Amino acid sequence: MKDVMGLIYTGENDIHLGELTSQRAVAALPIAGRYRIVDFQLSSMVHTGIKNVGVITQKNYSSLMDHIGSGREWDLHGKKGLNILPPFLTRENMGIYTGLLDALKSNSNFLRMSPQEYIVLTNSHTVYNMDYSDAIRAHVESGADLTIVYSRCQRGEGDNISYLKLDENGKVTSMQIGPSAPTSDCTSLKVYVTKRELLRQLIEQGAANGLHFFERDILQRNINNGSLNVHGYEHKGLAFHIDSIQGYFNFNMDLLKPEVRAELFPKDRPVYTKVRDDLPARYMGDAQCTGSLIANGCKIEGTVINSVLFRGVKVAKGAVVKNSIVMQDAQIQEGAEIDHCILDKQSVIRRNGRLIAPAAYPIVIAKNVVI
């Protein structure tokens, strides 16, 4: 795997995530009590043995850079380890890429100067835990131009999901992007394995023809007309597509199931994240907690039921937290009650406040907001 590099694109479409991504990239979205989405892509690459990893950023990337830092937690802080690729500002794009193809074109120098022959290119809105080694081997053995990793177990919905049709030899014969009635159950994880030089050629050709979208303008077009030999590789584990408030809420609620946690956090492939030294969670007096994930640094004096609490959350005496996601350092004051809510970092629900929503439409409270 020394001849394989990694590239993570963090500029995905986030319009359906509302306040959750108004001040951060999708890749920096907090999940599972102490992690960010990008932790899963970075950890998967590290477990594969990939040591040269580039992260393409786009608007609101300060939170992502603060989280990743030098890459020490992923053992990527050495020479030519982690490379943060900030937005390439021009008069036309103003630092916001139209799509993946634009982002790759703006960072073509990084691709050109990297010595590895192969590349693993990923998005940042799909959560999974996998070793890419088998996919890379399958790609080399098949002789394909490009291999797309797909799943039949992906959870989530949205207009950004792609479906693949494959023949009996594993060749992709067609691709559907955001269909209302998909004719296949093979959903793309938007993980691509190919030769670095071939990717550069596709980028240059697309840019020369005024194209912007890698998947729609390059892959779908060339797959459907047969000019690109694309194969599929099935990831048989769980995968979660997060591009909506409901998708984000459902994913965190699924993590309350032991079998889901066992799938995403196997002992042989731990997920690394930024370390925050803090006290263990403290349960005071008459505190009651059932069916919940509670991170270190929390102080619980009230009741927590079927919820995910991030580091440093405070639940005061008499407060009730049910079916909710409460991010880092948020406070639920005495006598307050929340049900089916998502509270961003440092938000506060004042004394005796009540926020109750249906499961299908959780309430979202933005960062630093006091209610």
Protein backbone atom coordinates (compact mmCIF):
# COMPACT_ATOMS: atom_id res chain seq x y z
CA MET A 1 0.00 0.00 0.00
CA LYS A 2 3.01 2.30 -0.15
CA ASP A 3 2.07 2.94 -3.79
CA VAL A 4 -1.42 4.24 -2.88
CA MET A 5 -2.38 7.79 -1.88
CA GLY A 6 -5.65 9.04 -0.44
CA LEU A 7 -7.75 12.11 -1.20
CA ILE A 8 -10.83 13.25 0.75
CA TYR A 9 -13.19 15.84 -0.71
CA THR A 10 -15.03 17.77 2.01
CA GLY A 11 -17.05 20.14 -0.16
CA GLU A 12 -20.23 18.12 -0.48
CA ASN A 13 -23.72 19.53 -0.98
CA ASP A 14 -24.92 20.46 2.51
CA ILE A 15 -28.00 22.61 1.89
CA HIS A 16 -30.27 20.03 3.55
CA LEU A 17 -28.26 20.06 6.80
CA GLY A 18 -29.25 23.64 7.58
CA GLU A 19 -27.82 25.11 10.79
CA LEU A 20 -25.64 22.07 11.40
CA THR A 21 -23.31 23.05 8.56
CA SER A 22 -23.71 26.83 8.54
CA GLN A 23 -20.41 27.22 10.41
CA ARG A 24 -18.67 23.95 9.55
CA ALA A 25 -18.04 21.56 6.67
CA VAL A 26 -19.98 18.30 6.48
CA ALA A 27 -16.73 16.46 7.22
CA ALA A 28 -16.49 18.28 10.58
CA LEU A 29 -20.03 17.40 11.64
CA PRO A 30 -19.95 15.91 15.18
CA ILE A 31 -21.33 12.38 15.47
CA ALA A 32 -21.44 9.51 17.98
CA GLY A 33 -20.65 11.58 21.07
CA ARG A 34 -17.00 12.38 20.34
CA TYR A 35 -16.21 11.88 16.63
CA ARG A 36 -16.45 13.82 13.36
CA ILE A 37 -17.47 12.29 10.02
CA VAL A 38 -13.97 12.75 8.59
CA ASP A 39 -12.56 10.50 11.35
CA PHE A 40 -14.01 7.47 9.57
CA GLN A 41 -12.42 8.24 6.20
CA LEU A 42 -9.06 9.10 7.77
CA SER A 43 -9.07 6.01 10.00
CA SER A 44 -10.00 3.75 7.08
CA MET A 45 -7.07 5.08 5.08
CA VAL A 46 -4.67 4.66 7.98
CA HIS A 47 -5.75 1.05 8.54
CA THR A 48 -5.19 0.45 4.83
CA GLY A 49 -1.61 1.65 5.17
CA ILE A 50 -2.05 4.86 3.17
CA LYS A 51 0.44 7.45 4.40
CA ASN A 52 -0.04 10.28 1.89
CA VAL A 53 -3.49 11.78 2.43
CA GLY A 54 -4.87 15.04 1.04
CA VAL A 55 -7.99 16.75 2.41
CA ILE A 56 -9.65 19.17 -0.02
CA THR A 57 -11.48 21.85 1.97
CA GLN A 58 -14.13 24.31 0.95
CA LYS A 59 -15.73 27.23 2.84
CA ASN A 60 -16.18 27.09 6.62
CA TYR A 61 -13.20 24.82 7.02
CA SER A 62 -11.70 26.35 10.19
CA SER A 63 -13.54 23.85 12.41
CA LEU A 64 -12.26 20.99 10.26
CA MET A 65 -8.67 22.23 10.42
CA ASP A 66 -8.90 22.68 14.18
CA HIS A 67 -10.10 19.09 14.50
CA ILE A 68 -7.57 17.47 12.17
CA GLY A 69 -4.62 19.60 13.24
CA SER A 70 -1.32 18.06 12.19
CA GLY A 71 -2.86 14.59 11.83
CA ARG A 72 -1.11 13.28 14.95
CA GLU A 73 -4.12 11.25 16.15
CA TRP A 74 -4.06 9.34 12.85
CA ASP A 75 -0.26 9.01 12.77
CA LEU A 76 -0.19 11.24 9.69
CA HIS A 77 1.95 14.02 11.15
CA GLY A 78 5.19 12.85 9.56
CA LYS A 79 6.78 13.98 6.33
CA LYS A 80 4.29 13.93 3.42
CA GLY A 81 1.57 12.57 5.69
CA LEU A 82 -1.51 14.77 5.98
CA ASN A 83 -1.93 17.58 3.45
CA ILE A 84 -4.66 20.18 4.01
CA LEU A 85 -5.66 21.65 0.64
CA PRO A 86 -7.53 24.93 1.30
CA PRO A 87 -9.93 26.47 -1.24
CA PHE A 88 -8.26 27.75 -4.40
CA LEU A 89 -9.70 31.24 -4.67
CA THR A 90 -10.30 32.68 -8.14
CA ARG A 91 -12.46 35.49 -9.50
CA GLU A 92 -14.87 32.88 -10.84
CA ASN A 93 -15.33 30.47 -7.92
CA MET A 94 -14.75 32.80 -4.89
CA GLY A 95 -13.34 29.83 -2.99
CA ILE A 96 -16.43 27.66 -3.49
CA TYR A 97 -16.03 24.74 -5.88
CA THR A 98 -18.90 23.98 -8.21
CA GLY A 99 -18.27 20.26 -7.76
CA LEU A 100 -15.66 17.58 -7.23
CA LEU A 101 -14.24 18.06 -10.73
CA ASP A 102 -13.55 21.74 -10.03
CA ALA A 103 -11.93 20.84 -6.72
CA LEU A 104 -9.68 18.23 -8.34
CA LYS A 105 -8.69 20.62 -11.12
CA SER A 106 -7.73 23.29 -8.58
CA ASN A 107 -5.58 20.78 -6.73
CA SER A 108 -4.05 19.09 -9.76
CA ASN A 109 -0.54 20.08 -8.59
CA PHE A 110 -0.95 17.92 -5.51
CA LEU A 111 -1.88 14.97 -7.73
CA ARG A 112 0.96 15.69 -10.13
CA MET A 113 3.61 15.88 -7.40
CA SER A 114 2.50 12.78 -5.50
CA PRO A 115 4.66 9.75 -6.36
CA GLN A 116 2.10 6.99 -5.77
CA GLU A 117 0.63 5.10 -8.74
CA TYR A 118 -2.86 4.55 -7.33
CA ILE A 119 -5.32 6.78 -5.53
CA VAL A 120 -8.34 6.24 -3.27
CA LEU A 121 -10.73 9.19 -3.66
CA THR A 122 -13.58 9.56 -1.15
CA ASN A 123 -16.37 11.94 -0.20
CA SER A 124 -17.16 13.15 3.30
CA HIS A 125 -20.85 12.54 3.89
CA THR A 126 -20.84 8.74 4.10
CA VAL A 127 -19.96 6.98 7.36
CA TYR A 128 -18.47 3.50 7.23
CA ASN A 129 -15.46 1.60 8.58
CA MET A 130 -13.49 -0.44 6.07
CA ASP A 131 -10.02 -1.45 4.98
CA TYR A 132 -9.58 -0.37 1.36
CA SER A 133 -6.92 -3.03 0.73
CA ASP A 134 -9.28 -5.62 -0.76
CA ALA A 135 -10.92 -3.01 -3.00
CA ILE A 136 -7.50 -1.92 -4.26
CA ARG A 137 -6.45 -5.52 -4.97
CA ALA A 138 -9.76 -6.20 -6.75
CA HIS A 139 -9.24 -3.10 -8.87
CA VAL A 140 -5.73 -4.14 -9.93
CA GLU A 141 -6.78 -7.74 -10.68
CA SER A 142 -9.83 -6.70 -12.73
CA GLY A 143 -7.82 -4.45 -15.03
CA ALA A 144 -10.56 -1.81 -14.75
CA ASP A 145 -9.93 1.86 -15.42
CA LEU A 146 -11.75 2.77 -12.24
CA THR A 147 -13.46 0.91 -9.39
CA ILE A 148 -16.42 2.24 -7.42
CA VAL A 149 -17.06 0.90 -3.92
CA TYR A 150 -20.77 0.28 -3.38
CA SER A 151 -23.04 -1.12 -0.70
CA ARG A 152 -26.34 -2.92 -0.47
CA CYS A 153 -26.62 -2.00 3.23
CA GLN A 154 -26.35 1.79 2.98
CA ARG A 155 -28.89 3.68 5.04
CA GLY A 156 -30.10 7.15 4.22
CA GLU A 157 -31.96 8.97 1.52
CA GLY A 158 -31.58 12.08 -0.58
CA ASP A 159 -31.13 13.45 -4.07
CA ASN A 160 -27.38 12.90 -3.98
CA ILE A 161 -27.38 9.08 -3.84
CA SER A 162 -26.11 7.19 -6.87
CA TYR A 163 -27.12 3.66 -7.88
CA LEU A 164 -25.08 1.24 -9.94
CA LYS A 165 -26.07 -1.61 -12.25
CA LEU A 166 -23.48 -4.35 -12.61
CA ASP A 167 -23.18 -7.37 -14.89
CA GLU A 168 -22.18 -10.87 -13.77
CA ASN A 169 -18.48 -9.95 -14.03
CA GLY A 170 -18.77 -6.95 -11.72
CA LYS A 171 -18.59 -4.36 -14.50
CA VAL A 172 -20.73 -1.26 -14.00
CA THR A 173 -23.10 -1.02 -16.95
CA SER A 174 -25.08 2.06 -15.89
CA MET A 175 -25.26 4.71 -13.18
CA GLN A 176 -28.34 6.53 -11.87
CA ILE A 177 -27.92 9.73 -9.84
CA GLY A 178 -30.73 10.67 -7.47
CA PRO A 179 -33.52 8.70 -9.19
CA SER A 180 -37.00 8.83 -7.66
CA ALA A 181 -37.44 5.11 -8.33
CA PRO A 182 -34.01 3.38 -8.45
CA THR A 183 -33.83 0.12 -10.36
CA SER A 184 -30.87 -1.21 -8.38
CA ASP A 185 -30.01 -1.72 -4.71
CA CYS A 186 -26.29 -1.08 -5.25
CA THR A 187 -25.65 2.39 -3.82
CA SER A 188 -22.33 4.08 -4.47
CA LEU A 189 -20.28 4.99 -1.39
CA LYS A 190 -18.52 7.52 -3.63
CA VAL A 191 -15.21 5.83 -2.97
CA TYR A 192 -13.17 5.55 -6.15
CA VAL A 193 -9.99 3.57 -6.81
CA THR A 194 -7.98 4.34 -9.93
CA LYS A 195 -4.54 5.20 -11.20
CA ARG A 196 -3.41 8.68 -10.28
CA GLU A 197 -2.38 9.56 -13.83
CA LEU A 198 -5.69 8.36 -15.28
CA LEU A 199 -7.54 10.55 -12.79
CA ARG A 200 -5.42 13.52 -13.87
CA GLN A 201 -6.28 12.83 -17.51
CA LEU A 202 -10.00 12.66 -16.76
CA ILE A 203 -9.77 15.93 -14.84
CA GLU A 204 -7.94 17.72 -17.64
CA GLN A 205 -10.38 16.45 -20.27
CA GLY A 206 -13.39 17.44 -18.21
CA ALA A 207 -12.03 20.91 -17.47
CA ALA A 208 -11.15 21.44 -21.13
CA ASN A 209 -14.77 20.68 -22.07
CA GLY A 210 -16.19 23.06 -19.46
CA LEU A 211 -17.51 20.31 -17.20
CA HIS A 212 -17.92 20.69 -13.42
CA PHE A 213 -19.26 17.47 -11.88
CA PHE A 214 -17.07 14.41 -11.62
CA GLU A 215 -19.82 11.86 -11.08
CA ARG A 216 -22.43 13.16 -13.51
CA ASP A 217 -20.21 14.62 -16.24
CA ILE A 218 -17.33 12.14 -16.15
CA LEU A 219 -18.42 8.84 -14.64
CA GLN A 220 -22.06 8.59 -15.66
CA ARG A 221 -21.42 9.80 -19.18
CA ASN A 222 -18.46 7.49 -19.81
CA ILE A 223 -20.10 4.48 -18.15
CA ASN A 224 -23.29 4.83 -20.15
CA ASN A 225 -21.47 5.24 -23.48
CA GLY A 226 -19.00 2.45 -22.67
CA SER A 227 -15.83 4.52 -23.08
CA LEU A 228 -14.63 3.87 -19.50
CA ASN A 229 -14.17 0.40 -18.04
CA VAL A 230 -15.62 0.79 -14.53
CA HIS A 231 -16.01 -2.06 -12.05
CA GLY A 232 -17.76 -2.25 -8.70
CA TYR A 233 -16.51 -3.57 -5.37
CA GLU A 234 -19.07 -4.39 -2.68
CA HIS A 235 -18.56 -3.18 0.87
CA LYS A 236 -20.63 -5.64 2.88
CA GLY A 237 -20.62 -3.70 6.13
CA LEU A 238 -22.98 -0.94 7.21
CA ALA A 239 -22.76 2.49 5.64
CA PHE A 240 -24.75 5.64 6.40
CA HIS A 241 -25.46 8.47 3.96
CA ILE A 242 -25.78 11.78 5.84
CA ASP A 243 -27.02 14.72 3.79
CA SER A 244 -30.14 15.81 5.69
CA ILE A 245 -31.25 16.69 9.21
CA GLN A 246 -33.35 13.54 9.37
CA GLY A 247 -30.46 11.40 8.11
CA TYR A 248 -28.13 12.86 10.73
CA PHE A 249 -30.68 12.30 13.49
CA ASN A 250 -31.46 8.72 12.43
CA PHE A 251 -27.77 7.82 12.21
CA ASN A 252 -27.05 8.91 15.77
CA MET A 253 -30.15 7.13 17.03
CA ASP A 254 -29.01 3.95 15.24
CA LEU A 255 -25.75 4.15 17.18
CA LEU A 256 -27.71 3.38 20.34
CA LYS A 257 -28.03 -0.19 19.02
CA PRO A 258 -25.13 -2.42 20.14
CA GLU A 259 -24.95 -4.26 16.80
CA VAL A 260 -24.50 -0.98 14.89
CA ARG A 261 -21.73 0.18 17.23
CA ALA A 262 -20.02 -3.19 16.89
CA GLU A 263 -20.09 -2.85 13.09
CA LEU A 264 -18.75 0.71 12.96
CA PHE A 265 -16.23 0.38 15.78
CA PRO A 266 -14.61 -3.07 15.42
CA LYS A 267 -11.70 -3.82 17.74
CA ASP A 268 -9.31 -4.48 14.86
CA ARG A 269 -10.12 -1.15 13.12
CA PRO A 270 -10.53 1.54 15.79
CA VAL A 271 -11.74 4.97 14.74
CA TYR A 272 -9.27 7.67 15.75
CA THR A 273 -10.28 11.20 16.68
CA LYS A 274 -8.95 14.34 18.33
CA VAL A 275 -8.21 13.74 21.98
CA ARG A 276 -9.80 15.94 24.62
CA ASP A 277 -8.58 15.21 28.13
CA ASP A 278 -11.52 15.43 30.49
CA LEU A 279 -13.00 13.86 33.59
CA PRO A 280 -15.22 10.79 33.25
CA ALA A 281 -18.95 11.44 33.06
CA ARG A 282 -20.39 12.21 36.49
CA TYR A 283 -23.82 11.04 37.64
CA MET A 284 -25.00 13.09 40.58
CA GLY A 285 -27.68 12.43 43.20
CA ASP A 286 -30.91 11.20 41.58
CA ALA A 287 -29.59 11.12 38.01
CA GLN A 288 -31.23 8.54 35.75
CA CYS A 289 -29.77 7.43 32.40
CA THR A 290 -31.07 4.66 30.16
CA GLY A 291 -30.28 3.54 26.61
CA SER A 292 -27.92 6.46 25.91
CA LEU A 293 -24.37 7.27 24.79
CA ILE A 294 -22.79 9.71 27.22
CA ALA A 295 -19.27 11.02 26.57
CA ASN A 296 -16.63 11.95 29.10
CA GLY A 297 -16.84 15.33 30.79
CA CYS A 298 -20.65 15.25 31.10
CA LYS A 299 -22.36 16.12 34.37
CA ILE A 300 -25.76 14.48 34.76
CA GLU A 301 -28.13 15.49 37.57
CA GLY A 302 -31.42 14.95 35.73
CA THR A 303 -32.85 12.28 33.41
CA VAL A 304 -31.39 11.14 30.07
CA ILE A 305 -33.30 8.61 27.94
CA ASN A 306 -32.40 7.24 24.50
CA SER A 307 -30.04 10.11 23.67
CA VAL A 308 -26.50 10.92 22.54
CA LEU A 309 -24.59 13.40 24.70
CA PHE A 310 -21.23 14.78 23.59
CA ARG A 311 -18.33 15.79 25.79
CA GLY A 312 -18.91 18.39 28.49
CA VAL A 313 -22.73 18.44 28.38
CA LYS A 314 -24.52 19.46 31.59
CA VAL A 315 -28.02 18.21 32.44
CA ALA A 316 -29.26 19.97 35.57
CA LYS A 317 -31.46 18.61 38.33
CA GLY A 318 -35.03 18.02 37.21
CA ALA A 319 -34.14 18.37 33.52
CA VAL A 320 -35.24 15.67 31.04
CA VAL A 321 -33.45 14.78 27.80
CA LYS A 322 -35.25 12.24 25.59
CA ASN A 323 -34.54 11.00 22.05
CA SER A 324 -32.12 13.86 21.46
CA ILE A 325 -28.59 14.71 20.32
CA VAL A 326 -26.77 17.22 22.51
CA MET A 327 -23.39 18.41 21.27
CA GLN A 328 -20.29 19.50 23.12
CA ASP A 329 -20.59 21.81 26.18
CA ALA A 330 -24.33 22.41 25.75
CA GLN A 331 -26.46 22.97 28.87
CA ILE A 332 -29.97 21.87 29.78
CA GLN A 333 -30.87 23.84 32.86
CA GLU A 334 -33.03 22.91 35.82
CA GLY A 335 -36.56 21.77 35.00
CA ALA A 336 -36.07 21.99 31.22
CA GLU A 337 -37.28 19.23 28.88
CA ILE A 338 -36.25 18.37 25.31
CA ASP A 339 -37.55 15.55 23.12
CA HIS A 340 -36.43 14.80 19.52
CA CYS A 341 -34.05 17.75 19.42
CA ILE A 342 -30.55 18.41 18.08
CA LEU A 343 -28.60 20.94 20.12
CA ASP A 344 -25.38 22.24 18.60
CA LYS A 345 -22.25 23.14 20.59
CA GLN A 346 -22.51 25.56 23.55
CA SER A 347 -26.27 25.96 23.15
CA VAL A 348 -28.37 26.48 26.29
CA ILE A 349 -31.93 25.53 27.16
CA ARG A 350 -32.92 27.78 30.05
CA ARG A 351 -34.70 26.79 33.22
CA ASN A 352 -38.14 25.18 32.69
CA GLY A 353 -37.91 25.49 28.91
CA ARG A 354 -39.63 22.83 26.78
CA LEU A 355 -38.78 21.77 23.23
CA ILE A 356 -40.75 18.78 21.96
CA ALA A 357 -40.93 17.66 18.34
CA PRO A 358 -42.14 14.62 16.37
CA ALA A 359 -39.57 11.99 15.40
CA ALA A 360 -39.88 12.87 11.70
CA TYR A 361 -39.04 16.56 12.22
CA PRO A 362 -36.47 17.04 15.00
CA ILE A 363 -35.86 20.57 16.23
CA VAL A 364 -32.40 21.96 15.53
CA ILE A 365 -30.86 24.59 17.82
CA ALA A 366 -27.83 26.30 16.29
CA LYS A 367 -24.45 26.76 17.93
CA ASN A 368 -24.24 29.23 20.87
CA VAL A 369 -28.00 29.86 20.89
CA VAL A 370 -29.78 30.39 24.21
CA ILE A 371 -33.48 29.43 24.38
